[in-house]
Amino acid sequence: MFKIEAIVRPERISHVSNALEKIGCGGFHYQNVTGQGKQQGVEIATGRGGSTINRSAVPKTLLTTVVTQDMKEKAIDAIITASRSSDNGEIGDGKIFITQLTQVFRVRTGEENEAAL
């Protein structure tokens, strides 16, 4: 089993969640986060005078899901395709982190591992 954490643009999260549901991955959650990567923030116009400020932290959405080995590559491909801003992608489209899990438990029933998913 693998935990997939994807940081994507907030405006792309509906595309990503739809893509995951389409491949049969219905169990995930997401939350709004703020951070900085290689993009090093964004420049924002303020006021009427055309002055700008540099905002180092950028709003993103963190999506988390746990999948089986056979669903892993499909989920990664779905996230990449759905989160790209254009055909070639753009800086700030996001990152995906994969972690191998040793155990998962469903609290309600006590089921373990793949049965708990």
PDB file of N, CA and C in Angstrom:
ATOM      1  N   MET A   1       0.843  -1.177   0.000  1.00  0.00           N
ATOM      2  CA  MET A   1       0.000   0.000   0.000  1.00  0.00           C
ATOM      3  C   MET A   1       0.884   1.235   0.000  1.00  0.00           C
ATOM      4  N   PHE A   2       0.355   2.289  -0.612  1.00  0.00           N
ATOM      5  CA  PHE A   2       1.127   3.508  -0.762  1.00  0.00           C
ATOM      6  C   PHE A   2       0.276   4.724  -0.408  1.00  0.00           C
ATOM      7  N   LYS A   3       0.889   5.651   0.288  1.00  0.00           N
ATOM      8  CA  LYS A   3       0.255   6.933   0.585  1.00  0.00           C
ATOM      9  C   LYS A   3       0.744   7.910  -0.473  1.00  0.00           C
ATOM     10  N   ILE A   4      -0.195   8.531  -1.158  1.00  0.00           N
ATOM     11  CA  ILE A   4       0.132   9.519  -2.181  1.00  0.00           C
ATOM     12  C   ILE A   4      -0.303  10.882  -1.665  1.00  0.00           C
ATOM     13  N   GLU A   5       0.648  11.807  -1.620  1.00  0.00           N
ATOM     14  CA  GLU A   5       0.351  13.185  -1.243  1.00  0.00           C
ATOM     15  C   GLU A   5       0.683  14.056  -2.448  1.00  0.00           C
ATOM     16  N   ALA A   6      -0.296  14.791  -2.913  1.00  0.00           N
ATOM     17  CA  ALA A   6      -0.111  15.640  -4.086  1.00  0.00           C
ATOM     18  C   ALA A   6      -0.411  17.083  -3.712  1.00  0.00           C
ATOM     19  N   ILE A   7       0.528  17.958  -4.006  1.00  0.00           N
ATOM     20  CA  ILE A   7       0.324  19.387  -3.807  1.00  0.00           C
ATOM     21  C   ILE A   7       0.019  19.974  -5.172  1.00  0.00           C
ATOM     22  N   VAL A   8      -1.179  20.557  -5.315  1.00  0.00           N
ATOM     23  CA  VAL A   8      -1.630  21.069  -6.616  1.00  0.00           C
ATOM     24  C   VAL A   8      -2.196  22.477  -6.463  1.00  0.00           C
ATOM     25  N   ARG A   9      -2.402  23.117  -7.591  1.00  0.00           N
ATOM     26  CA  ARG A   9      -3.052  24.427  -7.586  1.00  0.00           C
ATOM     27  C   ARG A   9      -4.494  24.270  -7.094  1.00  0.00           C
ATOM     28  N   PRO A  10      -4.975  25.179  -6.259  1.00  0.00           N
ATOM     29  CA  PRO A  10      -6.347  25.064  -5.743  1.00  0.00           C
ATOM     30  C   PRO A  10      -7.404  25.003  -6.840  1.00  0.00           C
ATOM     31  N   GLU A  11      -7.185  25.703  -7.933  1.00  0.00           N
ATOM     32  CA  GLU A  11      -8.181  25.725  -9.009  1.00  0.00           C
ATOM     33  C   GLU A  11      -8.211  24.423  -9.805  1.00  0.00           C
ATOM     34  N   ARG A  12      -7.252  23.505  -9.573  1.00  0.00           N
ATOM     35  CA  ARG A  12      -7.208  22.228 -10.284  1.00  0.00           C
ATOM     36  C   ARG A  12      -7.730  21.059  -9.449  1.00  0.00           C
ATOM     37  N   ILE A  13      -8.088  21.300  -8.170  1.00  0.00           N
ATOM     38  CA  ILE A  13      -8.441  20.188  -7.293  1.00  0.00           C
ATOM     39  C   ILE A  13      -9.695  19.443  -7.759  1.00  0.00           C
ATOM     40  N   SER A  14     -10.651  20.143  -8.329  1.00  0.00           N
ATOM     41  CA  SER A  14     -11.850  19.439  -8.807  1.00  0.00           C
ATOM     42  C   SER A  14     -11.504  18.522  -9.983  1.00  0.00           C
ATOM     43  N   HIS A  15     -10.582  18.947 -10.843  1.00  0.00           N
ATOM     44  CA  HIS A  15     -10.129  18.101 -11.954  1.00  0.00           C
ATOM     45  C   HIS A  15      -9.418  16.852 -11.419  1.00  0.00           C
ATOM     46  N   VAL A  16      -8.583  17.052 -10.400  1.00  0.00           N
ATOM     47  CA  VAL A  16      -7.826  15.939  -9.827  1.00  0.00           C
ATOM     48  C   VAL A  16      -8.763  14.954  -9.136  1.00  0.00           C
ATOM     49  N   SER A  17      -9.690  15.450  -8.328  1.00  0.00           N
ATOM     50  CA  SER A  17     -10.603  14.539  -7.626  1.00  0.00           C
ATOM     51  C   SER A  17     -11.509  13.800  -8.613  1.00  0.00           C
ATOM     52  N   ASN A  18     -11.954  14.457  -9.664  1.00  0.00           N
ATOM     53  CA  ASN A  18     -12.752  13.779 -10.697  1.00  0.00           C
ATOM     54  C   ASN A  18     -11.942  12.692 -11.397  1.00  0.00           C
ATOM     55  N   ALA A  19     -10.668  12.976 -11.685  1.00  0.00           N
ATOM     56  CA  ALA A  19      -9.806  11.994 -12.349  1.00  0.00           C
ATOM     57  C   ALA A  19      -9.582  10.774 -11.456  1.00  0.00           C
ATOM     58  N   LEU A  20      -9.415  10.992 -10.152  1.00  0.00           N
ATOM     59  CA  LEU A  20      -9.228   9.874  -9.234  1.00  0.00           C
ATOM     60  C   LEU A  20     -10.497   9.029  -9.130  1.00  0.00           C
ATOM     61  N   GLU A  21     -11.642   9.679  -9.050  1.00  0.00           N
ATOM     62  CA  GLU A  21     -12.899   8.933  -8.989  1.00  0.00           C
ATOM     63  C   GLU A  21     -13.120   8.127 -10.265  1.00  0.00           C
ATOM     64  N   LYS A  22     -12.717   8.682 -11.393  1.00  0.00           N
ATOM     65  CA  LYS A  22     -12.898   8.007 -12.686  1.00  0.00           C
ATOM     66  C   LYS A  22     -12.109   6.700 -12.767  1.00  0.00           C
ATOM     67  N   ILE A  23     -10.939   6.636 -12.111  1.00  0.00           N
ATOM     68  CA  ILE A  23     -10.136   5.403 -12.146  1.00  0.00           C
ATOM     69  C   ILE A  23     -10.489   4.457 -10.997  1.00  0.00           C
ATOM     70  N   GLY A  24     -11.467   4.850 -10.164  1.00  0.00           N
ATOM     71  CA  GLY A  24     -11.901   3.977  -9.076  1.00  0.00           C
ATOM     72  C   GLY A  24     -11.265   4.245  -7.740  1.00  0.00           C
ATOM     73  N   CYS A  25     -10.591   5.361  -7.616  1.00  0.00           N
ATOM     74  CA  CYS A  25      -9.968   5.742  -6.345  1.00  0.00           C
ATOM     75  C   CYS A  25     -10.876   6.774  -5.683  1.00  0.00           C
ATOM     76  N   GLY A  26     -11.794   6.316  -4.862  1.00  0.00           N
ATOM     77  CA  GLY A  26     -12.771   7.225  -4.265  1.00  0.00           C
ATOM     78  C   GLY A  26     -12.407   7.706  -2.882  1.00  0.00           C
ATOM     79  N   GLY A  27     -11.387   7.125  -2.255  1.00  0.00           N
ATOM     80  CA  GLY A  27     -11.031   7.506  -0.901  1.00  0.00           C
ATOM     81  C   GLY A  27      -9.860   8.464  -0.864  1.00  0.00           C
ATOM     82  N   PHE A  28     -10.133   9.722  -0.607  1.00  0.00           N
ATOM     83  CA  PHE A  28      -9.072  10.726  -0.500  1.00  0.00           C
ATOM     84  C   PHE A  28      -9.614  11.908   0.284  1.00  0.00           C
ATOM     85  N   HIS A  29      -8.719  12.752   0.738  1.00  0.00           N
ATOM     86  CA  HIS A  29      -9.130  14.009   1.355  1.00  0.00           C
ATOM     87  C   HIS A  29      -8.147  15.088   0.916  1.00  0.00           C
ATOM     88  N   TYR A  30      -8.578  16.316   1.033  1.00  0.00           N
ATOM     89  CA  TYR A  30      -7.677  17.413   0.686  1.00  0.00           C
ATOM     90  C   TYR A  30      -7.903  18.585   1.618  1.00  0.00           C
ATOM     91  N   GLN A  31      -6.858  19.405   1.709  1.00  0.00           N
ATOM     92  CA  GLN A  31      -6.904  20.584   2.565  1.00  0.00           C
ATOM     93  C   GLN A  31      -6.112  21.715   1.920  1.00  0.00           C
ATOM     94  N   ASN A  32      -6.503  22.921   2.223  1.00  0.00           N
ATOM     95  CA  ASN A  32      -5.802  24.082   1.698  1.00  0.00           C
ATOM     96  C   ASN A  32      -4.561  24.332   2.550  1.00  0.00           C
ATOM     97  N   VAL A  33      -3.443  24.555   1.882  1.00  0.00           N
ATOM     98  CA  VAL A  33      -2.167  24.802   2.547  1.00  0.00           C
ATOM     99  C   VAL A  33      -1.508  26.011   1.895  1.00  0.00           C
ATOM    100  N   THR A  34      -0.490  26.516   2.535  1.00  0.00           N
ATOM    101  CA  THR A  34       0.276  27.627   1.991  1.00  0.00           C
ATOM    102  C   THR A  34       1.745  27.277   2.107  1.00  0.00           C
ATOM    103  N   GLY A  35       2.516  27.553   1.064  1.00  0.00           N
ATOM    104  CA  GLY A  35       3.930  27.224   1.123  1.00  0.00           C
ATOM    105  C   GLY A  35       4.706  27.820  -0.018  1.00  0.00           C
ATOM    106  N   GLN A  36       5.949  27.382  -0.096  1.00  0.00           N
ATOM    107  CA  GLN A  36       6.851  27.931  -1.095  1.00  0.00           C
ATOM    108  C   GLN A  36       7.729  26.824  -1.630  1.00  0.00           C
ATOM    109  N   GLY A  37       7.906  26.793  -2.924  1.00  0.00           N
ATOM    110  CA  GLY A  37       8.798  25.831  -3.569  1.00  0.00           C
ATOM    111  C   GLY A  37       9.765  26.587  -4.455  1.00  0.00           C
ATOM    112  N   LYS A  38      10.151  25.976  -5.560  1.00  0.00           N
ATOM    113  CA  LYS A  38      11.071  26.626  -6.492  1.00  0.00           C
ATOM    114  C   LYS A  38      10.469  27.872  -7.115  1.00  0.00           C
ATOM    115  N   GLN A  39       9.146  27.954  -7.093  1.00  0.00           N
ATOM    116  CA  GLN A  39       8.460  29.105  -7.673  1.00  0.00           C
ATOM    117  C   GLN A  39       8.833  30.392  -6.926  1.00  0.00           C
ATOM    118  N   GLN A  40       9.214  30.263  -5.669  1.00  0.00           N
ATOM    119  CA  GLN A  40       9.642  31.388  -4.835  1.00  0.00           C
ATOM    120  C   GLN A  40       8.592  32.484  -4.710  1.00  0.00           C
ATOM    121  N   GLY A  41       7.330  32.106  -4.656  1.00  0.00           N
ATOM    122  CA  GLY A  41       6.261  33.074  -4.447  1.00  0.00           C
ATOM    123  C   GLY A  41       5.753  33.683  -5.737  1.00  0.00           C
ATOM    124  N   VAL A  42       4.888  34.672  -5.562  1.00  0.00           N
ATOM    125  CA  VAL A  42       4.306  35.363  -6.711  1.00  0.00           C
ATOM    126  C   VAL A  42       4.356  36.863  -6.473  1.00  0.00           C
ATOM    127  N   GLU A  43       4.316  37.608  -7.557  1.00  0.00           N
ATOM    128  CA  GLU A  43       4.287  39.065  -7.483  1.00  0.00           C
ATOM    129  C   GLU A  43       2.840  39.512  -7.610  1.00  0.00           C
ATOM    130  N   ILE A  44       2.398  40.365  -6.687  1.00  0.00           N
ATOM    131  CA  ILE A  44       1.002  40.791  -6.655  1.00  0.00           C
ATOM    132  C   ILE A  44       0.942  42.312  -6.809  1.00  0.00           C
ATOM    133  N   ALA A  45       0.049  42.770  -7.710  1.00  0.00           N
ATOM    134  CA  ALA A  45      -0.164  44.203  -7.883  1.00  0.00           C
ATOM    135  C   ALA A  45      -1.024  44.716  -6.737  1.00  0.00           C
ATOM    136  N   THR A  46      -0.627  45.851  -6.164  1.00  0.00           N
ATOM    137  CA  THR A  46      -1.392  46.432  -5.054  1.00  0.00           C
ATOM    138  C   THR A  46      -1.761  47.870  -5.389  1.00  0.00           C
ATOM    139  N   GLY A  47      -2.935  48.242  -5.048  1.00  0.00           N
ATOM    140  CA  GLY A  47      -3.353  49.629  -5.218  1.00  0.00           C
ATOM    141  C   GLY A  47      -3.439  50.072  -6.657  1.00  0.00           C
ATOM    142  N   ARG A  48      -3.642  51.368  -6.822  1.00  0.00           N
ATOM    143  CA  ARG A  48      -3.810  51.943  -8.160  1.00  0.00           C
ATOM    144  C   ARG A  48      -2.508  52.364  -8.808  1.00  0.00           C
ATOM    145  N   GLY A  49      -1.494  52.569  -8.011  1.00  0.00           N
ATOM    146  CA  GLY A  49      -0.244  53.110  -8.540  1.00  0.00           C
ATOM    147  C   GLY A  49       0.605  52.120  -9.287  1.00  0.00           C
ATOM    148  N   GLY A  50       0.162  50.912  -9.408  1.00  0.00           N
ATOM    149  CA  GLY A  50       0.936  49.915 -10.129  1.00  0.00           C
ATOM    150  C   GLY A  50       2.069  49.336  -9.306  1.00  0.00           C
ATOM    151  N   SER A  51       2.083  49.608  -8.023  1.00  0.00           N
ATOM    152  CA  SER A  51       3.140  49.033  -7.198  1.00  0.00           C
ATOM    153  C   SER A  51       2.857  47.547  -6.971  1.00  0.00           C
ATOM    154  N   THR A  52       3.919  46.800  -6.741  1.00  0.00           N
ATOM    155  CA  THR A  52       3.779  45.362  -6.537  1.00  0.00           C
ATOM    156  C   THR A  52       4.487  44.951  -5.252  1.00  0.00           C
ATOM    157  N   ILE A  53       4.039  43.822  -4.722  1.00  0.00           N
ATOM    158  CA  ILE A  53       4.731  43.216  -3.587  1.00  0.00           C
ATOM    159  C   ILE A  53       5.006  41.759  -3.941  1.00  0.00           C
ATOM    160  N   ASN A  54       6.027  41.199  -3.321  1.00  0.00           N
ATOM    161  CA  ASN A  54       6.351  39.795  -3.558  1.00  0.00           C
ATOM    162  C   ASN A  54       5.805  38.983  -2.394  1.00  0.00           C
ATOM    163  N   ARG A  55       4.930  38.060  -2.692  1.00  0.00           N
ATOM    164  CA  ARG A  55       4.335  37.200  -1.669  1.00  0.00           C
ATOM    165  C   ARG A  55       5.048  35.851  -1.741  1.00  0.00           C
ATOM    166  N   SER A  56       5.819  35.528  -0.677  1.00  0.00           N
ATOM    167  CA  SER A  56       6.652  34.332  -0.739  1.00  0.00           C
ATOM    168  C   SER A  56       5.844  33.045  -0.591  1.00  0.00           C
ATOM    169  N   ALA A  57       4.768  33.055   0.170  1.00  0.00           N
ATOM    170  CA  ALA A  57       3.950  31.858   0.342  1.00  0.00           C
ATOM    171  C   ALA A  57       2.801  31.874  -0.659  1.00  0.00           C
ATOM    172  N   VAL A  58       2.579  30.724  -1.280  1.00  0.00           N
ATOM    173  CA  VAL A  58       1.572  30.602  -2.325  1.00  0.00           C
ATOM    174  C   VAL A  58       0.500  29.609  -1.866  1.00  0.00           C
ATOM    175  N   PRO A  59      -0.782  29.926  -2.078  1.00  0.00           N
ATOM    176  CA  PRO A  59      -1.823  28.966  -1.706  1.00  0.00           C
ATOM    177  C   PRO A  59      -1.801  27.742  -2.626  1.00  0.00           C
ATOM    178  N   LYS A  60      -1.900  26.570  -2.026  1.00  0.00           N
ATOM    179  CA  LYS A  60      -1.948  25.299  -2.751  1.00  0.00           C
ATOM    180  C   LYS A  60      -2.981  24.409  -2.064  1.00  0.00           C
ATOM    181  N   THR A  61      -3.260  23.264  -2.655  1.00  0.00           N
ATOM    182  CA  THR A  61      -4.137  22.267  -2.050  1.00  0.00           C
ATOM    183  C   THR A  61      -3.366  20.963  -1.942  1.00  0.00           C
ATOM    184  N   LEU A  62      -3.415  20.359  -0.761  1.00  0.00           N
ATOM    185  CA  LEU A  62      -2.748  19.086  -0.502  1.00  0.00           C
ATOM    186  C   LEU A  62      -3.784  17.978  -0.519  1.00  0.00           C
ATOM    187  N   LEU A  63      -3.665  17.060  -1.479  1.00  0.00           N
ATOM    188  CA  LEU A  63      -4.562  15.912  -1.585  1.00  0.00           C
ATOM    189  C   LEU A  63      -3.820  14.685  -1.073  1.00  0.00           C
ATOM    190  N   THR A  64      -4.492  13.883  -0.251  1.00  0.00           N
ATOM    191  CA  THR A  64      -3.889  12.669   0.301  1.00  0.00           C
ATOM    192  C   THR A  64      -4.800  11.481   0.033  1.00  0.00           C
ATOM    193  N   THR A  65      -4.210  10.385  -0.426  1.00  0.00           N
ATOM    194  CA  THR A  65      -4.947   9.147  -0.620  1.00  0.00           C
ATOM    195  C   THR A  65      -4.025   7.975  -0.336  1.00  0.00           C
ATOM    196  N   VAL A  66      -4.613   6.817  -0.055  1.00  0.00           N
ATOM    197  CA  VAL A  66      -3.860   5.580   0.133  1.00  0.00           C
ATOM    198  C   VAL A  66      -4.392   4.579  -0.892  1.00  0.00           C
ATOM    199  N   VAL A  67      -3.457   3.971  -1.632  1.00  0.00           N
ATOM    200  CA  VAL A  67      -3.851   3.052  -2.712  1.00  0.00           C
ATOM    201  C   VAL A  67      -3.050   1.761  -2.631  1.00  0.00           C
ATOM    202  N   THR A  68      -3.562   0.741  -3.296  1.00  0.00           N
ATOM    203  CA  THR A  68      -2.856  -0.539  -3.403  1.00  0.00           C
ATOM    204  C   THR A  68      -1.800  -0.443  -4.499  1.00  0.00           C
ATOM    205  N   GLN A  69      -0.935  -1.451  -4.554  1.00  0.00           N
ATOM    206  CA  GLN A  69       0.137  -1.497  -5.554  1.00  0.00           C
ATOM    207  C   GLN A  69      -0.414  -1.402  -6.976  1.00  0.00           C
ATOM    208  N   ASP A  70      -1.503  -2.117  -7.266  1.00  0.00           N
ATOM    209  CA  ASP A  70      -2.034  -2.115  -8.629  1.00  0.00           C
ATOM    210  C   ASP A  70      -2.711  -0.802  -9.009  1.00  0.00           C
ATOM    211  N   MET A  71      -3.065   0.026  -8.037  1.00  0.00           N
ATOM    212  CA  MET A  71      -3.714   1.318  -8.313  1.00  0.00           C
ATOM    213  C   MET A  71      -2.706   2.476  -8.313  1.00  0.00           C
ATOM    214  N   LYS A  72      -1.503   2.237  -7.835  1.00  0.00           N
ATOM    215  CA  LYS A  72      -0.520   3.309  -7.646  1.00  0.00           C
ATOM    216  C   LYS A  72      -0.219   4.081  -8.930  1.00  0.00           C
ATOM    217  N   GLU A  73       0.204   3.405  -9.985  1.00  0.00           N
ATOM    218  CA  GLU A  73       0.587   4.087 -11.225  1.00  0.00           C
ATOM    219  C   GLU A  73      -0.601   4.794 -11.872  1.00  0.00           C
ATOM    220  N   LYS A  74      -1.775   4.172 -11.826  1.00  0.00           N
ATOM    221  CA  LYS A  74      -2.974   4.809 -12.386  1.00  0.00           C
ATOM    222  C   LYS A  74      -3.290   6.102 -11.648  1.00  0.00           C
ATOM    223  N   ALA A  75      -3.149   6.075 -10.328  1.00  0.00           N
ATOM    224  CA  ALA A  75      -3.436   7.273  -9.528  1.00  0.00           C
ATOM    225  C   ALA A  75      -2.432   8.377  -9.817  1.00  0.00           C
ATOM    226  N   ILE A  76      -1.158   8.024  -9.903  1.00  0.00           N
ATOM    227  CA  ILE A  76      -0.123   9.020 -10.207  1.00  0.00           C
ATOM    228  C   ILE A  76      -0.374   9.647 -11.573  1.00  0.00           C
ATOM    229  N   ASP A  77      -0.645   8.827 -12.583  1.00  0.00           N
ATOM    230  CA  ASP A  77      -0.912   9.341 -13.930  1.00  0.00           C
ATOM    231  C   ASP A  77      -2.147  10.245 -13.942  1.00  0.00           C
ATOM    232  N   ALA A  78      -3.187   9.847 -13.219  1.00  0.00           N
ATOM    233  CA  ALA A  78      -4.410  10.657 -13.159  1.00  0.00           C
ATOM    234  C   ALA A  78      -4.142  12.011 -12.517  1.00  0.00           C
ATOM    235  N   ILE A  79      -3.368  12.026 -11.442  1.00  0.00           N
ATOM    236  CA  ILE A  79      -3.058  13.285 -10.752  1.00  0.00           C
ATOM    237  C   ILE A  79      -2.219  14.191 -11.651  1.00  0.00           C
ATOM    238  N   ILE A  80      -1.194  13.634 -12.273  1.00  0.00           N
ATOM    239  CA  ILE A  80      -0.329  14.438 -13.147  1.00  0.00           C
ATOM    240  C   ILE A  80      -1.128  15.043 -14.293  1.00  0.00           C
ATOM    241  N   THR A  81      -1.918  14.226 -14.965  1.00  0.00           N
ATOM    242  CA  THR A  81      -2.691  14.708 -16.110  1.00  0.00           C
ATOM    243  C   THR A  81      -3.692  15.782 -15.695  1.00  0.00           C
ATOM    244  N   ALA A  82      -4.381  15.575 -14.584  1.00  0.00           N
ATOM    245  CA  ALA A  82      -5.437  16.497 -14.163  1.00  0.00           C
ATOM    246  C   ALA A  82      -4.903  17.776 -13.523  1.00  0.00           C
ATOM    247  N   SER A  83      -3.693  17.748 -12.992  1.00  0.00           N
ATOM    248  CA  SER A  83      -3.201  18.931 -12.291  1.00  0.00           C
ATOM    249  C   SER A  83      -2.363  19.860 -13.160  1.00  0.00           C
ATOM    250  N   ARG A  84      -2.005  19.425 -14.364  1.00  0.00           N
ATOM    251  CA  ARG A  84      -1.220  20.287 -15.257  1.00  0.00           C
ATOM    252  C   ARG A  84      -2.058  21.454 -15.762  1.00  0.00           C
ATOM    253  N   SER A  85      -1.449  22.631 -15.774  1.00  0.00           N
ATOM    254  CA  SER A  85      -2.137  23.834 -16.243  1.00  0.00           C
ATOM    255  C   SER A  85      -2.236  23.897 -17.757  1.00  0.00           C
ATOM    256  N   SER A  86      -1.291  23.277 -18.440  1.00  0.00           N
ATOM    257  CA  SER A  86      -1.294  23.267 -19.904  1.00  0.00           C
ATOM    258  C   SER A  86      -0.717  21.937 -20.363  1.00  0.00           C
ATOM    259  N   ASP A  87      -0.574  21.754 -21.663  1.00  0.00           N
ATOM    260  CA  ASP A  87      -0.064  20.489 -22.186  1.00  0.00           C
ATOM    261  C   ASP A  87       1.316  20.139 -21.642  1.00  0.00           C
ATOM    262  N   ASN A  88       2.177  21.139 -21.532  1.00  0.00           N
ATOM    263  CA  ASN A  88       3.538  20.906 -21.050  1.00  0.00           C
ATOM    264  C   ASN A  88       3.699  21.199 -19.568  1.00  0.00           C
ATOM    265  N   GLY A  89       2.663  21.717 -18.933  1.00  0.00           N
ATOM    266  CA  GLY A  89       2.765  22.083 -17.528  1.00  0.00           C
ATOM    267  C   GLY A  89       3.450  23.425 -17.347  1.00  0.00           C
ATOM    268  N   GLU A  90       3.320  23.962 -16.134  1.00  0.00           N
ATOM    269  CA  GLU A  90       3.917  25.250 -15.809  1.00  0.00           C
ATOM    270  C   GLU A  90       4.519  25.180 -14.413  1.00  0.00           C
ATOM    271  N   ILE A  91       5.442  26.096 -14.141  1.00  0.00           N
ATOM    272  CA  ILE A  91       5.997  26.182 -12.796  1.00  0.00           C
ATOM    273  C   ILE A  91       4.849  26.415 -11.827  1.00  0.00           C
ATOM    274  N   GLY A  92       4.845  25.669 -10.727  1.00  0.00           N
ATOM    275  CA  GLY A  92       3.794  25.824  -9.731  1.00  0.00           C
ATOM    276  C   GLY A  92       2.644  24.847  -9.869  1.00  0.00           C
ATOM    277  N   ASP A  93       2.716  23.936 -10.851  1.00  0.00           N
ATOM    278  CA  ASP A  93       1.645  22.944 -11.026  1.00  0.00           C
ATOM    279  C   ASP A  93       1.601  21.947  -9.881  1.00  0.00           C
ATOM    280  N   GLY A  94       2.703  21.742  -9.179  1.00  0.00           N
ATOM    281  CA  GLY A  94       2.663  20.901  -7.996  1.00  0.00           C
ATOM    282  C   GLY A  94       3.725  19.829  -7.932  1.00  0.00           C
ATOM    283  N   LYS A  95       3.585  18.994  -6.901  1.00  0.00           N
ATOM    284  CA  LYS A  95       4.492  17.874  -6.654  1.00  0.00           C
ATOM    285  C   LYS A  95       3.678  16.705  -6.127  1.00  0.00           C
ATOM    286  N   ILE A  96       4.227  15.496  -6.294  1.00  0.00           N
ATOM    287  CA  ILE A  96       3.605  14.287  -5.769  1.00  0.00           C
ATOM    288  C   ILE A  96       4.653  13.558  -4.935  1.00  0.00           C
ATOM    289  N   PHE A  97       4.263  13.152  -3.732  1.00  0.00           N
ATOM    290  CA  PHE A  97       5.143  12.404  -2.835  1.00  0.00           C
ATOM    291  C   PHE A  97       4.512  11.037  -2.573  1.00  0.00           C
ATOM    292  N   ILE A  98       5.310   9.979  -2.661  1.00  0.00           N
ATOM    293  CA  ILE A  98       4.832   8.616  -2.461  1.00  0.00           C
ATOM    294  C   ILE A  98       5.547   8.027  -1.248  1.00  0.00           C
ATOM    295  N   THR A  99       4.768   7.439  -0.332  1.00  0.00           N
ATOM    296  CA  THR A  99       5.318   6.792   0.851  1.00  0.00           C
ATOM    297  C   THR A  99       4.757   5.382   0.932  1.00  0.00           C
ATOM    298  N   GLN A 100       5.617   4.398   1.156  1.00  0.00           N
ATOM    299  CA  GLN A 100       5.138   3.030   1.315  1.00  0.00           C
ATOM    300  C   GLN A 100       4.645   2.848   2.746  1.00  0.00           C
ATOM    301  N   LEU A 101       3.467   2.234   2.885  1.00  0.00           N
ATOM    302  CA  LEU A 101       2.870   2.004   4.200  1.00  0.00           C
ATOM    303  C   LEU A 101       3.033   0.547   4.602  1.00  0.00           C
ATOM    304  N   THR A 102       3.233   0.330   5.884  1.00  0.00           N
ATOM    305  CA  THR A 102       3.359  -1.040   6.372  1.00  0.00           C
ATOM    306  C   THR A 102       2.043  -1.573   6.910  1.00  0.00           C
ATOM    307  N   GLN A 103       1.206  -0.717   7.467  1.00  0.00           N
ATOM    308  CA  GLN A 103      -0.079  -1.166   7.999  1.00  0.00           C
ATOM    309  C   GLN A 103      -1.109  -0.061   7.918  1.00  0.00           C
ATOM    310  N   VAL A 104      -2.355  -0.481   7.723  1.00  0.00           N
ATOM    311  CA  VAL A 104      -3.507   0.414   7.747  1.00  0.00           C
ATOM    312  C   VAL A 104      -4.602  -0.309   8.525  1.00  0.00           C
ATOM    313  N   PHE A 105      -5.317   0.424   9.377  1.00  0.00           N
ATOM    314  CA  PHE A 105      -6.418  -0.148  10.146  1.00  0.00           C
ATOM    315  C   PHE A 105      -7.672   0.677   9.953  1.00  0.00           C
ATOM    316  N   ARG A 106      -8.813   0.009   9.833  1.00  0.00           N
ATOM    317  CA  ARG A 106     -10.101   0.687   9.866  1.00  0.00           C
ATOM    318  C   ARG A 106     -10.549   0.661  11.324  1.00  0.00           C
ATOM    319  N   VAL A 107     -10.742   1.824  11.910  1.00  0.00           N
ATOM    320  CA  VAL A 107     -11.058   1.934  13.325  1.00  0.00           C
ATOM    321  C   VAL A 107     -12.384   1.251  13.664  1.00  0.00           C
ATOM    322  N   ARG A 108     -13.397   1.463  12.855  1.00  0.00           N
ATOM    323  CA  ARG A 108     -14.728   0.947  13.158  1.00  0.00           C
ATOM    324  C   ARG A 108     -14.766  -0.570  13.257  1.00  0.00           C
ATOM    325  N   THR A 109     -14.112  -1.283  12.310  1.00  0.00           N
ATOM    326  CA  THR A 109     -14.241  -2.740  12.252  1.00  0.00           C
ATOM    327  C   THR A 109     -12.978  -3.490  12.671  1.00  0.00           C
ATOM    328  N   GLY A 110     -11.854  -2.798  12.724  1.00  0.00           N
ATOM    329  CA  GLY A 110     -10.597  -3.461  13.032  1.00  0.00           C
ATOM    330  C   GLY A 110      -9.958  -4.127  11.832  1.00  0.00           C
ATOM    331  N   GLU A 111     -10.545  -3.971  10.647  1.00  0.00           N
ATOM    332  CA  GLU A 111      -9.958  -4.551   9.438  1.00  0.00           C
ATOM    333  C   GLU A 111      -8.561  -3.962   9.221  1.00  0.00           C
ATOM    334  N   GLU A 112      -7.713  -4.791   8.590  1.00  0.00           N
ATOM    335  CA  GLU A 112      -6.326  -4.376   8.383  1.00  0.00           C
ATOM    336  C   GLU A 112      -5.985  -4.315   6.913  1.00  0.00           C
ATOM    337  N   ASN A 113      -4.992  -3.475   6.632  1.00  0.00           N
ATOM    338  CA  ASN A 113      -4.353  -3.360   5.328  1.00  0.00           C
ATOM    339  C   ASN A 113      -5.334  -3.169   4.181  1.00  0.00           C
ATOM    340  N   GLU A 114      -5.264  -3.932   3.101  1.00  0.00           N
ATOM    341  CA  GLU A 114      -6.098  -3.684   1.932  1.00  0.00           C
ATOM    342  C   GLU A 114      -7.589  -3.782   2.251  1.00  0.00           C
ATOM    343  N   ALA A 115      -7.964  -4.636   3.187  1.00  0.00           N
ATOM    344  CA  ALA A 115      -9.373  -4.740   3.591  1.00  0.00           C
ATOM    345  C   ALA A 115      -9.860  -3.460   4.262  1.00  0.00           C
ATOM    346  N   ALA A 116      -8.925  -2.710   4.837  1.00  0.00           N
ATOM    347  CA  ALA A 116      -9.278  -1.463   5.525  1.00  0.00           C
ATOM    348  C   ALA A 116      -9.460  -0.301   4.555  1.00  0.00           C
ATOM    349  N   LEU A 117      -8.953  -0.467   3.325  1.00  0.00           N
ATOM    350  CA  LEU A 117      -9.098   0.611   2.364  1.00  0.00           C
ATOM    351  C   LEU A 117     -10.498   0.630   1.819  1.00  0.00           C
TER     352      LEU A 117
END
